[in-house]
N, C-alpha and C. Protein backbone atom coordinates (compact mmCIF):
# COMPACT_ATOMS: atom_id res chain seq x y z
N MET A 1 77.92 -76.28 12.99
CA MET A 1 76.65 -76.91 12.68
C MET A 1 76.90 -78.40 12.44
N LYS A 2 76.12 -79.21 13.10
CA LYS A 2 76.24 -80.65 12.89
C LYS A 2 75.25 -81.09 11.82
N PHE A 3 75.66 -82.07 11.03
CA PHE A 3 74.81 -82.56 9.96
C PHE A 3 74.10 -83.83 10.41
N ASP A 4 73.08 -83.64 11.24
CA ASP A 4 72.25 -84.76 11.67
C ASP A 4 71.12 -84.95 10.66
N GLY A 5 70.24 -85.88 10.92
CA GLY A 5 69.14 -86.17 9.99
C GLY A 5 68.24 -84.98 9.73
N THR A 6 67.99 -84.18 10.76
CA THR A 6 67.13 -83.01 10.60
C THR A 6 67.76 -81.98 9.69
N THR A 7 69.06 -81.74 9.86
CA THR A 7 69.76 -80.77 9.02
C THR A 7 69.82 -81.25 7.58
N ILE A 8 70.09 -82.52 7.38
CA ILE A 8 70.14 -83.08 6.03
C ILE A 8 68.77 -82.95 5.36
N LEU A 9 67.71 -83.23 6.10
CA LEU A 9 66.36 -83.05 5.57
C LEU A 9 66.13 -81.60 5.16
N GLY A 10 66.56 -80.67 6.01
CA GLY A 10 66.41 -79.25 5.70
C GLY A 10 67.18 -78.85 4.46
N VAL A 11 68.38 -79.37 4.31
CA VAL A 11 69.20 -79.05 3.13
C VAL A 11 68.55 -79.60 1.87
N ILE A 12 68.06 -80.83 1.92
CA ILE A 12 67.40 -81.42 0.74
C ILE A 12 66.14 -80.62 0.38
N ALA A 13 65.35 -80.26 1.38
CA ALA A 13 64.16 -79.45 1.13
C ALA A 13 64.54 -78.10 0.53
N ALA A 14 65.60 -77.50 1.05
CA ALA A 14 66.06 -76.21 0.55
C ALA A 14 66.48 -76.31 -0.91
N ILE A 15 67.19 -77.36 -1.26
CA ILE A 15 67.63 -77.54 -2.64
C ILE A 15 66.42 -77.70 -3.56
N CYS A 16 65.46 -78.51 -3.16
CA CYS A 16 64.26 -78.73 -3.98
C CYS A 16 63.47 -77.44 -4.20
N THR A 17 63.18 -76.72 -3.13
CA THR A 17 62.37 -75.51 -3.28
C THR A 17 63.12 -74.41 -4.01
N THR A 18 64.42 -74.32 -3.77
CA THR A 18 65.21 -73.30 -4.45
C THR A 18 65.32 -73.60 -5.94
N CYS A 19 65.58 -74.84 -6.29
CA CYS A 19 65.71 -75.21 -7.70
C CYS A 19 64.40 -75.06 -8.46
N SER A 20 63.29 -75.04 -7.77
CA SER A 20 61.99 -74.92 -8.45
C SER A 20 61.85 -73.58 -9.17
N PHE A 21 62.62 -72.59 -8.79
CA PHE A 21 62.55 -71.28 -9.46
C PHE A 21 63.31 -71.26 -10.78
N LEU A 22 64.28 -72.13 -10.94
CA LEU A 22 65.13 -72.09 -12.13
C LEU A 22 64.37 -72.25 -13.44
N PRO A 23 63.45 -73.20 -13.58
CA PRO A 23 62.76 -73.32 -14.86
C PRO A 23 62.02 -72.04 -15.28
N GLN A 24 61.43 -71.33 -14.32
CA GLN A 24 60.71 -70.09 -14.65
C GLN A 24 61.69 -69.02 -15.11
N VAL A 25 62.80 -68.87 -14.41
CA VAL A 25 63.79 -67.86 -14.79
C VAL A 25 64.35 -68.18 -16.17
N ILE A 26 64.71 -69.43 -16.41
CA ILE A 26 65.26 -69.83 -17.70
C ILE A 26 64.26 -69.61 -18.82
N LYS A 27 63.00 -69.97 -18.58
CA LYS A 27 61.96 -69.80 -19.60
C LYS A 27 61.80 -68.32 -19.97
N ILE A 28 61.78 -67.46 -18.97
CA ILE A 28 61.63 -66.02 -19.25
C ILE A 28 62.85 -65.49 -19.98
N LEU A 29 64.04 -65.90 -19.57
CA LEU A 29 65.25 -65.43 -20.25
C LEU A 29 65.27 -65.84 -21.71
N ARG A 30 64.79 -67.05 -22.00
CA ARG A 30 64.79 -67.53 -23.39
C ARG A 30 63.69 -66.88 -24.23
N SER A 31 62.49 -66.77 -23.67
CA SER A 31 61.34 -66.30 -24.45
C SER A 31 61.15 -64.80 -24.40
N LYS A 32 61.67 -64.15 -23.36
CA LYS A 32 61.45 -62.71 -23.13
C LYS A 32 59.97 -62.39 -22.95
N ARG A 33 59.19 -63.39 -22.51
CA ARG A 33 57.76 -63.20 -22.31
C ARG A 33 57.41 -63.46 -20.85
N THR A 34 56.61 -62.56 -20.29
CA THR A 34 56.20 -62.69 -18.89
C THR A 34 54.70 -62.47 -18.73
N ASN A 35 53.95 -62.57 -19.81
CA ASN A 35 52.51 -62.28 -19.75
C ASN A 35 51.78 -63.11 -18.70
N ASP A 36 52.15 -64.36 -18.56
CA ASP A 36 51.44 -65.26 -17.65
C ASP A 36 52.05 -65.32 -16.25
N VAL A 37 53.02 -64.46 -15.98
CA VAL A 37 53.66 -64.43 -14.67
C VAL A 37 52.99 -63.34 -13.84
N SER A 38 52.56 -63.70 -12.65
CA SER A 38 51.88 -62.75 -11.77
C SER A 38 52.90 -61.91 -11.00
N PHE A 39 52.90 -60.61 -11.25
CA PHE A 39 53.79 -59.71 -10.53
C PHE A 39 53.48 -59.73 -9.04
N LEU A 40 52.19 -59.66 -8.71
CA LEU A 40 51.79 -59.61 -7.31
C LEU A 40 52.22 -60.87 -6.56
N MET A 41 52.06 -62.02 -7.19
CA MET A 41 52.47 -63.27 -6.55
C MET A 41 53.95 -63.26 -6.24
N TYR A 42 54.78 -62.84 -7.19
CA TYR A 42 56.22 -62.82 -6.96
C TYR A 42 56.62 -61.72 -5.99
N ALA A 43 55.89 -60.62 -5.94
CA ALA A 43 56.17 -59.56 -4.97
C ALA A 43 55.89 -60.07 -3.55
N ILE A 44 54.76 -60.74 -3.37
CA ILE A 44 54.42 -61.29 -2.05
C ILE A 44 55.41 -62.40 -1.68
N LEU A 45 55.72 -63.26 -2.63
CA LEU A 45 56.68 -64.34 -2.39
C LEU A 45 58.04 -63.78 -1.99
N SER A 46 58.50 -62.76 -2.69
CA SER A 46 59.80 -62.15 -2.38
C SER A 46 59.81 -61.55 -0.98
N THR A 47 58.71 -60.94 -0.59
CA THR A 47 58.61 -60.40 0.77
C THR A 47 58.71 -61.53 1.79
N GLY A 48 57.99 -62.61 1.55
CA GLY A 48 58.04 -63.75 2.46
C GLY A 48 59.43 -64.36 2.52
N LEU A 49 60.10 -64.49 1.37
CA LEU A 49 61.45 -65.04 1.35
C LEU A 49 62.43 -64.14 2.11
N PHE A 50 62.25 -62.84 1.98
CA PHE A 50 63.09 -61.90 2.71
C PHE A 50 62.90 -62.07 4.22
N LEU A 51 61.65 -62.22 4.63
CA LEU A 51 61.36 -62.42 6.05
C LEU A 51 61.92 -63.75 6.56
N TRP A 52 61.81 -64.81 5.75
CA TRP A 52 62.40 -66.10 6.11
C TRP A 52 63.92 -65.96 6.24
N LEU A 53 64.53 -65.16 5.36
CA LEU A 53 65.97 -64.94 5.42
C LEU A 53 66.37 -64.27 6.73
N ILE A 54 65.62 -63.25 7.12
CA ILE A 54 65.88 -62.59 8.41
C ILE A 54 65.72 -63.60 9.55
N TYR A 55 64.66 -64.39 9.49
CA TYR A 55 64.42 -65.42 10.50
C TYR A 55 65.60 -66.40 10.58
N GLY A 56 66.09 -66.81 9.42
CA GLY A 56 67.24 -67.71 9.37
C GLY A 56 68.47 -67.10 10.02
N PHE A 57 68.71 -65.80 9.77
CA PHE A 57 69.84 -65.13 10.41
C PHE A 57 69.65 -65.03 11.92
N LEU A 58 68.44 -64.75 12.35
CA LEU A 58 68.18 -64.67 13.79
C LEU A 58 68.44 -65.99 14.49
N LEU A 59 68.11 -67.09 13.80
CA LEU A 59 68.34 -68.42 14.36
C LEU A 59 69.74 -68.96 14.06
N MET A 60 70.45 -68.26 13.16
CA MET A 60 71.74 -68.73 12.65
C MET A 60 71.60 -70.14 12.07
N ASP A 61 70.56 -70.32 11.26
CA ASP A 61 70.22 -71.61 10.65
C ASP A 61 70.71 -71.59 9.20
N LEU A 62 71.82 -72.28 8.95
CA LEU A 62 72.45 -72.24 7.63
C LEU A 62 71.53 -72.71 6.50
N PRO A 63 70.80 -73.83 6.63
CA PRO A 63 69.90 -74.21 5.52
C PRO A 63 68.86 -73.12 5.21
N LEU A 64 68.30 -72.49 6.22
CA LEU A 64 67.33 -71.41 5.98
C LEU A 64 67.99 -70.22 5.28
N ILE A 65 69.18 -69.88 5.74
CA ILE A 65 69.89 -68.73 5.16
C ILE A 65 70.24 -69.01 3.70
N MET A 66 70.81 -70.16 3.45
CA MET A 66 71.24 -70.49 2.08
C MET A 66 70.05 -70.59 1.13
N ALA A 67 69.05 -71.33 1.52
CA ALA A 67 67.90 -71.53 0.64
C ALA A 67 67.19 -70.22 0.35
N ASN A 68 66.98 -69.41 1.35
CA ASN A 68 66.23 -68.19 1.14
C ASN A 68 67.04 -67.11 0.44
N THR A 69 68.35 -67.14 0.58
CA THR A 69 69.19 -66.21 -0.17
C THR A 69 69.09 -66.50 -1.67
N VAL A 70 69.24 -67.77 -2.02
CA VAL A 70 69.17 -68.15 -3.45
C VAL A 70 67.74 -67.97 -3.97
N SER A 71 66.75 -68.41 -3.20
CA SER A 71 65.35 -68.30 -3.64
C SER A 71 64.95 -66.84 -3.83
N LEU A 72 65.35 -65.99 -2.90
CA LEU A 72 65.03 -64.57 -3.02
C LEU A 72 65.70 -63.97 -4.24
N THR A 73 66.94 -64.34 -4.49
CA THR A 73 67.65 -63.84 -5.68
C THR A 73 66.91 -64.25 -6.96
N LEU A 74 66.50 -65.51 -7.04
CA LEU A 74 65.80 -65.98 -8.24
C LEU A 74 64.41 -65.34 -8.37
N ALA A 75 63.70 -65.20 -7.27
CA ALA A 75 62.38 -64.56 -7.32
C ALA A 75 62.51 -63.10 -7.73
N MET A 76 63.55 -62.44 -7.24
CA MET A 76 63.78 -61.04 -7.64
C MET A 76 64.15 -60.95 -9.12
N CYS A 77 64.86 -61.96 -9.62
CA CYS A 77 65.16 -62.00 -11.07
C CYS A 77 63.87 -62.05 -11.87
N VAL A 78 62.93 -62.88 -11.43
CA VAL A 78 61.64 -62.96 -12.12
C VAL A 78 60.93 -61.61 -12.08
N LEU A 79 60.95 -60.95 -10.92
CA LEU A 79 60.31 -59.63 -10.82
C LEU A 79 60.96 -58.60 -11.75
N VAL A 80 62.29 -58.59 -11.78
CA VAL A 80 62.99 -57.65 -12.66
C VAL A 80 62.67 -57.96 -14.11
N LEU A 81 62.67 -59.23 -14.48
CA LEU A 81 62.34 -59.61 -15.85
C LEU A 81 60.89 -59.27 -16.19
N LYS A 82 60.00 -59.41 -15.23
CA LYS A 82 58.59 -59.06 -15.44
C LYS A 82 58.48 -57.56 -15.72
N ILE A 83 59.21 -56.76 -14.97
CA ILE A 83 59.19 -55.31 -15.20
C ILE A 83 59.80 -54.98 -16.56
N ARG A 84 60.90 -55.62 -16.87
CA ARG A 84 61.62 -55.33 -18.14
C ARG A 84 60.83 -55.80 -19.36
N HIS A 85 60.25 -57.00 -19.29
CA HIS A 85 59.60 -57.59 -20.46
C HIS A 85 58.07 -57.60 -20.34
N GLY A 86 57.55 -57.12 -19.20
CA GLY A 86 56.15 -57.25 -18.88
C GLY A 86 55.20 -56.52 -19.73
């Protein structure tokens, strides 16, 4: 994989969108409260992230694979915490 401007843009976008899940996960871990977290939203989001991950593998696109692997893991953490503390 060559790191041209398009790939670098994809990597930066992947880092931004993936890191956006961290504050929610950290907040839930600290507070043990998930009342205001929508289970349905995270279920739909997780499905979409899983599909993006498959798409990334089909294209062999490393930024898509990396970002969606981490994002799916964090979204699934929120879902598990919602079930546990919900």
